[in-house]
């Protein structure tokens, strides 16, 4: 598996940071977005003088393609550790990839900073895993509660909902959050259907949805599956509100792939570009589209890692891990997160991260909830 060593500054003593992302395969666009966010943050750090506690040492990103398979993620992670002396690893976008990668980093005592959602990420008692976003069950819970509030403000009581989700760590964790919240709030789930990642025919799902009498549908899927689901729904004139589970619902490709069918689609999200436009504007200028949440959160991962090195004064994995567990990070890209900072608990979960509700309005994805973060009012399409 080839590696791309990115050393942009010929300074002495660079700090090697591993980056494992799906740069090919089904999730390649998410990997590309993520890498662009990391590269932007690294360039800013190096231009500002590098890591000052280490005499201005620059960040050197050592990038590996996980493809879109967990076994490859684990294999390339192992190679980064043994061959490139990385002090930490960032990645690997999809929860299934990050879970496989984390098995390697935990055994080798190397910190792994991730923006993957799955509850499994921080529920296994690992000491070297750091999840900068809210876990999937929390996102699922907010997905339902925020939707109920939006419906209520529009004069409708949410009573019957449908869930459809891919049968991966991400999809199942998120569906569990919706399911448990529905039980607690008295909302009836009239359809609860898992499907395989990369589904080729969504017709059975859509037919079941048509007969379910749901007021809203909550799909958790990556891009290609999400495009199929929404396109099929709208072509068959199923006009109920759609509330996506992040993933493929909140990247520019979703709007490009669906055109007018994307209008009004809601989604839960762990972060949003419009919360910190002063930071994310440069990404849009460079790449011609808004900074996607995975690009933003991976930039946060690198920023927090560098702050941990600055605080500890050491490019040492154990010192970095201990600092990550005990420090509140409120500088650089960490300010783009909800709460304006990142603070990990002993499981490695960022306790300050709050889910956001975003919506496609026109050509942009805007934050519409919770109200304290909203940039525009939500539109309820029913």
Protein backbone atom coordinates (compact mmCIF):
# COMPACT_ATOMS: atom_id res chain seq x y z
CA UNK A 1 0.00 0.00 0.00
CA UNK A 2 1.64 3.27 -1.05
CA UNK A 3 2.10 6.14 1.35
CA UNK A 4 2.20 9.85 0.59
CA UNK A 5 4.68 11.70 2.78
CA UNK A 6 3.75 15.35 2.78
CA UNK A 7 6.65 17.50 4.04
CA UNK A 8 6.06 21.05 2.91
CA UNK A 9 8.61 22.78 5.08
CA UNK A 10 12.30 21.85 5.04
CA UNK A 11 12.77 22.53 8.73
CA UNK A 12 14.61 20.34 11.21
CA UNK A 13 12.83 17.74 13.30
CA UNK A 14 9.33 17.46 11.82
CA UNK A 15 6.64 15.76 13.87
CA UNK A 16 5.09 12.89 11.93
CA UNK A 17 1.31 12.64 12.22
CA UNK A 18 -0.43 9.69 10.60
CA UNK A 19 -3.58 10.19 8.54
CA UNK A 20 -5.68 7.15 7.60
CA UNK A 21 -8.64 7.90 5.33
CA UNK A 22 -10.72 6.23 2.59
CA UNK A 23 -9.21 7.91 -0.45
CA UNK A 24 -10.59 5.24 -2.78
CA UNK A 25 -13.69 3.07 -2.76
CA UNK A 26 -17.26 3.93 -1.80
CA UNK A 27 -16.35 6.58 0.78
CA UNK A 28 -13.55 8.25 -1.17
CA UNK A 29 -15.19 11.69 -1.37
CA UNK A 30 -15.52 11.81 2.41
CA UNK A 31 -11.84 10.91 2.67
CA UNK A 32 -10.85 13.61 0.20
CA UNK A 33 -12.89 16.19 2.10
CA UNK A 34 -11.32 15.09 5.37
CA UNK A 35 -7.78 15.25 3.99
CA UNK A 36 -8.37 18.76 2.67
CA UNK A 37 -9.44 19.89 6.14
CA UNK A 38 -6.36 18.34 7.76
CA UNK A 39 -4.03 19.81 5.14
CA UNK A 40 -5.51 23.28 5.65
CA UNK A 41 -4.99 23.07 9.41
CA UNK A 42 -1.45 21.71 9.01
CA UNK A 43 -0.50 24.46 6.58
CA UNK A 44 -1.83 27.13 8.96
CA UNK A 45 0.08 25.63 11.90
CA UNK A 46 3.34 25.42 9.95
CA UNK A 47 3.01 28.93 8.52
CA UNK A 48 2.43 30.26 12.04
CA UNK A 49 5.78 28.89 13.17
CA UNK A 50 5.15 25.20 13.75
CA UNK A 51 5.07 23.69 17.22
CA UNK A 52 6.65 26.38 19.37
CA UNK A 53 7.24 24.12 22.37
CA UNK A 54 9.47 22.01 20.11
CA UNK A 55 11.44 24.92 18.69
CA UNK A 56 9.17 25.47 15.70
CA UNK A 57 9.03 21.84 14.53
CA UNK A 58 6.64 21.52 11.57
CA UNK A 59 3.83 19.02 11.24
CA UNK A 60 4.53 16.35 8.64
CA UNK A 61 1.41 14.49 7.50
CA UNK A 62 2.00 10.88 6.50
CA UNK A 63 -1.12 9.89 4.60
CA UNK A 64 -2.36 6.36 3.94
CA UNK A 65 -5.36 5.18 1.95
CA UNK A 66 -7.53 2.85 4.01
CA UNK A 67 -9.69 2.26 0.95
CA UNK A 68 -13.19 1.65 2.29
CA UNK A 69 -12.48 -1.65 4.05
CA UNK A 70 -11.77 -2.12 7.78
CA UNK A 71 -8.99 -4.68 7.29
CA UNK A 72 -7.06 -2.24 5.10
CA UNK A 73 -7.52 0.53 7.68
CA UNK A 74 -5.91 -1.69 10.31
CA UNK A 75 -3.09 -2.77 8.00
CA UNK A 76 -2.06 0.73 6.91
CA UNK A 77 -2.33 2.00 10.49
CA UNK A 78 0.12 -0.66 11.58
CA UNK A 79 2.52 0.36 8.82
CA UNK A 80 2.38 4.03 9.79
CA UNK A 81 3.33 3.15 13.35
CA UNK A 82 6.14 0.74 12.53
CA UNK A 83 7.64 2.47 9.49
CA UNK A 84 6.97 6.19 9.97
CA UNK A 85 7.29 6.81 13.73
CA UNK A 86 4.02 8.73 13.93
CA UNK A 87 3.18 10.30 17.31
CA UNK A 88 -0.58 9.98 16.69
CA UNK A 89 -3.03 9.06 13.96
CA UNK A 90 -6.08 10.92 12.64
CA UNK A 91 -8.93 9.06 10.94
CA UNK A 92 -10.59 7.09 9.53
CA UNK A 93 -13.96 8.78 8.83
CA UNK A 94 -16.32 5.76 8.68
CA UNK A 95 -16.93 4.16 12.08
CA UNK A 96 -16.20 0.65 10.84
CA UNK A 97 -12.79 1.82 9.59
CA UNK A 98 -12.01 3.71 12.80
CA UNK A 99 -12.99 0.77 15.00
CA UNK A 100 -10.61 -1.53 13.10
CA UNK A 101 -7.86 1.08 13.15
CA UNK A 102 -8.31 1.69 16.89
CA UNK A 103 -7.56 -1.95 17.67
CA UNK A 104 -4.09 -1.35 16.26
CA UNK A 105 -3.48 2.05 17.87
CA UNK A 106 -4.61 0.76 21.26
CA UNK A 107 -2.21 -2.18 21.16
CA UNK A 108 0.66 0.11 20.16
CA UNK A 109 -0.24 2.90 22.65
CA UNK A 110 -0.64 5.51 19.90
CA UNK A 111 -3.36 8.19 20.28
CA UNK A 112 -6.09 8.04 17.64
CA UNK A 113 -8.21 11.16 17.15
CA UNK A 114 -11.42 10.54 15.23
CA UNK A 115 -14.68 12.14 14.19
CA UNK A 116 -16.43 8.79 13.73
CA UNK A 117 -19.80 8.54 15.50
CA UNK A 118 -20.32 4.96 16.63
CA UNK A 119 -20.89 4.37 20.34
CA UNK A 120 -18.36 1.54 20.11
CA UNK A 121 -15.56 4.05 19.59
CA UNK A 122 -15.46 5.08 23.24
CA UNK A 123 -17.34 2.23 24.93
CA UNK A 124 -14.57 -0.39 24.96
CA UNK A 125 -12.39 1.03 27.74
CA UNK A 126 -9.59 2.05 25.36
CA UNK A 127 -7.11 4.62 26.68
CA UNK A 128 -5.79 5.93 23.37
CA UNK A 129 -9.01 6.83 21.51
CA UNK A 130 -10.39 10.38 21.32
CA UNK A 131 -13.77 11.11 19.72
CA UNK A 132 -14.23 14.83 19.00
CA UNK A 133 -17.96 14.56 18.21
CA UNK A 134 -21.05 13.35 20.01
CA UNK A 135 -21.62 9.60 19.74
CA UNK A 136 -24.17 8.16 17.34
CA UNK A 137 -26.86 7.34 19.90
CA UNK A 138 -26.73 10.97 21.08
CA UNK A 139 -27.03 12.13 17.49
CA UNK A 140 -29.97 9.74 16.99
CA UNK A 141 -31.69 11.07 20.09
CA UNK A 142 -31.27 14.66 18.94
CA UNK A 143 -32.37 13.70 15.44
CA UNK A 144 -35.79 12.80 16.82
CA UNK A 145 -36.17 15.43 19.56
CA UNK A 146 -35.12 18.32 17.32
CA UNK A 147 -37.47 17.11 14.59
CA UNK A 148 -40.37 16.95 17.06
CA UNK A 149 -39.66 20.57 18.05
CA UNK A 150 -39.55 21.71 14.42
CA UNK A 151 -42.84 19.92 13.69
CA UNK A 152 -44.42 21.43 16.82
CA UNK A 153 -43.40 24.93 15.78
CA UNK A 154 -45.06 24.23 12.43
CA UNK A 155 -48.30 23.21 14.18
CA UNK A 156 -47.91 19.44 13.85
CA UNK A 157 -47.51 16.79 16.55
CA UNK A 158 -45.02 14.12 15.58
CA UNK A 159 -46.58 10.73 16.36
CA UNK A 160 -45.47 8.20 13.70
CA UNK A 161 -41.98 7.91 12.21
CA UNK A 162 -40.02 5.54 10.00
CA UNK A 163 -36.39 4.50 10.41
CA UNK A 164 -34.18 3.02 7.71
CA UNK A 165 -30.48 2.56 8.28
CA UNK A 166 -27.45 0.75 6.92
CA UNK A 167 -26.42 -2.23 9.01
CA UNK A 168 -22.98 -0.86 9.97
CA UNK A 169 -21.63 0.40 13.30
CA UNK A 170 -22.68 3.93 12.36
CA UNK A 171 -26.21 3.09 11.20
CA UNK A 172 -27.09 0.69 13.99
CA UNK A 173 -25.85 3.01 16.76
CA UNK A 174 -27.76 5.96 15.36
CA UNK A 175 -30.95 3.96 14.88
CA UNK A 176 -30.67 2.79 18.49
CA UNK A 177 -30.71 6.39 19.66
CA UNK A 178 -33.85 7.16 17.65
CA UNK A 179 -35.53 3.96 18.82
CA UNK A 180 -34.88 4.57 22.51
CA UNK A 181 -35.95 8.22 22.30
CA UNK A 182 -39.19 7.27 20.52
CA UNK A 183 -39.98 4.85 23.34
CA UNK A 184 -39.35 7.54 25.96
CA UNK A 185 -41.42 10.19 24.19
CA UNK A 186 -44.36 8.03 23.10
CA UNK A 187 -43.66 8.31 19.37
CA UNK A 188 -44.56 5.20 17.38
CA UNK A 189 -42.01 3.72 15.00
CA UNK A 190 -44.11 2.40 12.13
CA UNK A 191 -41.13 1.18 10.11
CA UNK A 192 -37.75 0.02 11.44
CA UNK A 193 -35.65 -1.40 8.62
CA UNK A 194 -31.94 -2.16 8.27
CA UNK A 195 -30.34 -2.60 4.86
CA UNK A 196 -26.83 -3.50 3.61
CA UNK A 197 -24.31 -0.77 2.84
CA UNK A 198 -24.19 -0.23 -0.92
CA UNK A 199 -27.75 -1.39 -1.50
CA UNK A 200 -28.51 -1.66 -5.22
CA UNK A 201 -32.31 -1.66 -5.13
CA UNK A 202 -34.18 0.53 -2.64
CA UNK A 203 -37.61 -0.33 -4.07
CA UNK A 204 -38.58 -2.68 -1.20
CA UNK A 205 -37.64 0.03 1.34
CA UNK A 206 -39.67 2.68 -0.45
CA UNK A 207 -42.67 0.38 -0.88
CA UNK A 208 -42.62 -0.37 2.84
CA UNK A 209 -42.33 3.33 3.61
CA UNK A 210 -45.30 4.11 1.37
CA UNK A 211 -47.49 1.74 3.35
CA UNK A 212 -46.23 2.78 6.78
CA UNK A 213 -48.23 6.01 7.18
CA UNK A 214 -45.22 7.78 8.69
CA UNK A 215 -45.16 11.54 9.21
CA UNK A 216 -41.39 11.67 8.71
CA UNK A 217 -38.56 9.31 7.78
CA UNK A 218 -35.12 9.04 9.40
CA UNK A 219 -32.54 7.45 7.09
CA UNK A 220 -28.94 6.88 8.24
CA UNK A 221 -26.74 6.27 5.21
CA UNK A 222 -23.70 7.41 3.27
CA UNK A 223 -23.95 9.25 -0.03
CA UNK A 224 -24.87 6.71 -2.71
CA UNK A 225 -27.53 5.00 -0.59
CA UNK A 226 -28.95 8.34 0.50
CA UNK A 227 -29.22 9.57 -3.09
CA UNK A 228 -31.11 6.43 -4.10
CA UNK A 229 -33.51 6.66 -1.16
CA UNK A 230 -34.44 10.33 -1.60
CA UNK A 231 -34.63 10.20 -5.38
CA UNK A 232 -36.92 7.18 -5.28
CA UNK A 233 -39.11 8.76 -2.61
CA UNK A 234 -39.59 12.01 -4.48
CA UNK A 235 -40.06 10.38 -7.86
CA UNK A 236 -42.85 8.32 -6.32
CA UNK A 237 -44.30 11.50 -4.77
CA UNK A 238 -43.66 10.52 -1.17
CA UNK A 239 -43.32 14.04 0.17
CA UNK A 240 -42.95 13.52 3.91
CA UNK A 241 -40.02 15.29 5.62
CA UNK A 242 -36.66 13.53 5.49
CA UNK A 243 -34.27 13.85 8.43
CA UNK A 244 -30.91 12.35 7.52
CA UNK A 245 -28.41 10.87 9.93
CA UNK A 246 -25.46 13.03 8.77
CA UNK A 247 -23.26 10.84 6.50
CA UNK A 248 -24.21 11.42 2.89
CA UNK A 249 -26.92 13.98 3.59
CA UNK A 250 -24.68 16.91 4.48
CA UNK A 251 -22.07 17.16 1.73
CA UNK A 252 -22.24 19.19 -1.51
CA UNK A 253 -22.47 15.98 -3.57
CA UNK A 254 -25.92 15.37 -2.06
CA UNK A 255 -27.28 18.61 -3.53
CA UNK A 256 -25.45 18.07 -6.81
CA UNK A 257 -26.82 14.55 -7.10
CA UNK A 258 -30.45 15.40 -6.30
CA UNK A 259 -30.99 18.96 -7.49
CA UNK A 260 -34.44 20.15 -6.48
CA UNK A 261 -35.12 16.91 -4.59
CA UNK A 262 -32.58 18.02 -1.96
CA UNK A 263 -34.55 21.14 -1.06
CA UNK A 264 -35.83 21.07 2.52
CA UNK A 265 -34.05 17.84 3.49
CA UNK A 266 -33.05 18.05 7.14
CA UNK A 267 -30.20 16.20 8.82
CA UNK A 268 -28.57 15.89 12.17
CA UNK A 269 -24.89 16.90 12.13
CA UNK A 270 -22.03 16.88 14.62
CA UNK A 271 -20.67 20.18 13.30
CA UNK A 272 -21.37 22.85 10.71
CA UNK A 273 -19.33 25.31 8.68
CA UNK A 274 -21.60 28.26 9.47
CA UNK A 275 -20.84 28.14 13.20
CA UNK A 276 -17.35 29.50 12.54
CA UNK A 277 -17.27 31.20 9.12
CA UNK A 278 -14.12 33.09 10.07
CA UNK A 279 -12.33 29.73 10.13
CA UNK A 280 -14.14 27.83 7.39
CA UNK A 281 -14.21 30.55 4.70
CA UNK A 282 -10.69 29.72 3.51
CA UNK A 283 -11.74 26.14 2.77
CA UNK A 284 -14.59 27.39 0.55
CA UNK A 285 -12.25 29.80 -1.23
CA UNK A 286 -9.77 27.03 -1.96
CA UNK A 287 -12.13 24.26 -2.98
CA UNK A 288 -15.28 25.99 -4.21
CA UNK A 289 -17.69 24.43 -1.70
CA UNK A 290 -18.51 24.83 1.98
CA UNK A 291 -16.32 23.09 4.53
CA UNK A 292 -18.04 19.79 5.16
CA UNK A 293 -18.37 18.56 8.72
CA UNK A 294 -15.80 15.78 8.24
CA UNK A 295 -13.26 18.31 6.91
CA UNK A 296 -14.00 20.64 9.81
CA UNK A 297 -13.80 17.95 12.49
CA UNK A 298 -10.60 16.46 11.12
CA UNK A 299 -9.07 19.96 11.20
CA UNK A 300 -10.20 20.07 14.83
CA UNK A 301 -8.49 16.72 15.47
CA UNK A 302 -5.15 18.04 14.21
CA UNK A 303 -5.52 21.36 16.01
CA UNK A 304 -6.28 19.64 19.31
CA UNK A 305 -3.37 17.24 18.82
CA UNK A 306 -0.95 20.13 18.27
CA UNK A 307 -2.31 21.95 21.33
CA UNK A 308 -1.68 18.77 23.35
CA UNK A 309 1.92 18.66 22.12
CA UNK A 310 2.35 22.35 22.94
CA UNK A 311 0.95 21.80 26.44
CA UNK A 312 3.00 18.68 27.21
CA UNK A 313 6.12 20.00 25.51
CA UNK A 314 6.77 16.54 24.09
CA UNK A 315 6.17 14.74 20.79
CA UNK A 316 5.65 11.58 22.79
CA UNK A 317 2.52 9.42 22.40
CA UNK A 318 2.12 8.75 26.14
CA UNK A 319 2.52 12.43 27.06
CA UNK A 320 0.09 13.40 24.30
CA UNK A 321 -2.47 10.85 25.50
CA UNK A 322 -2.28 12.04 29.11
CA UNK A 323 -2.62 15.68 28.05
CA UNK A 324 -5.60 14.92 25.82
CA UNK A 325 -7.35 13.31 28.79
CA UNK A 326 -6.77 16.22 31.18
CA UNK A 327 -6.89 19.45 29.18
CA UNK A 328 -9.62 21.71 27.81
CA UNK A 329 -8.73 22.83 24.29
CA UNK A 330 -10.18 26.19 23.28
CA UNK A 331 -7.75 27.54 20.69
CA UNK A 332 -7.49 27.21 16.92
CA UNK A 333 -9.99 24.97 15.18
CA UNK A 334 -11.41 23.74 18.51
CA UNK A 335 -13.32 27.03 18.60
CA UNK A 336 -15.40 25.85 15.62
CA UNK A 337 -17.06 23.13 17.70
CA UNK A 338 -20.24 23.59 19.74
CA UNK A 339 -19.26 25.03 23.09
CA UNK A 340 -16.25 26.67 21.43
CA UNK A 341 -13.88 24.04 22.82
CA UNK A 342 -13.05 20.34 23.14
CA UNK A 343 -12.82 18.50 26.47
CA UNK A 344 -12.43 14.72 26.61
CA UNK A 345 -13.63 12.55 29.46
CA UNK A 346 -11.77 9.44 30.57
CA UNK A 347 -13.42 7.34 27.86
CA UNK A 348 -12.11 9.77 25.22
CA UNK A 349 -15.49 11.33 24.37
CA UNK A 350 -15.70 15.09 23.83
CA UNK A 351 -18.20 16.11 26.50
CA UNK A 352 -18.84 19.54 24.95
CA UNK A 353 -20.06 18.34 21.56
CA UNK A 354 -23.78 18.91 20.86
CA UNK A 355 -25.65 17.67 17.78
CA UNK A 356 -26.90 20.28 15.32
CA UNK A 357 -29.85 20.21 12.95
CA UNK A 358 -29.04 21.43 9.45
CA UNK A 359 -31.19 21.83 6.34
CA UNK A 360 -30.75 22.28 2.60
CA UNK A 361 -32.18 25.69 1.77
CA UNK A 362 -31.40 26.82 -1.77
CA UNK A 363 -27.82 25.95 -2.64
CA UNK A 364 -26.50 25.94 0.91
CA UNK A 365 -26.64 23.79 4.02
CA UNK A 366 -27.59 25.94 7.01
CA UNK A 367 -27.83 25.33 10.74
CA UNK A 368 -31.48 25.50 11.87
CA UNK A 369 -31.29 24.07 15.39
CA UNK A 370 -30.99 24.01 18.32
CA UNK A 371 -32.16 27.62 18.48
CA UNK A 372 -29.01 28.89 20.22
CA UNK A 373 -26.95 27.83 17.18
CA UNK A 374 -29.50 28.41 14.39
CA UNK A 375 -28.55 30.68 11.49
CA UNK A 376 -31.94 30.36 9.77
CA UNK A 377 -35.40 29.11 10.66
CA UNK A 378 -36.20 25.51 9.70
CA UNK A 379 -38.79 24.73 7.03
CA UNK A 380 -41.21 21.87 7.73
CA UNK A 381 -42.21 20.46 4.37
CA UNK A 382 -45.31 18.44 5.32
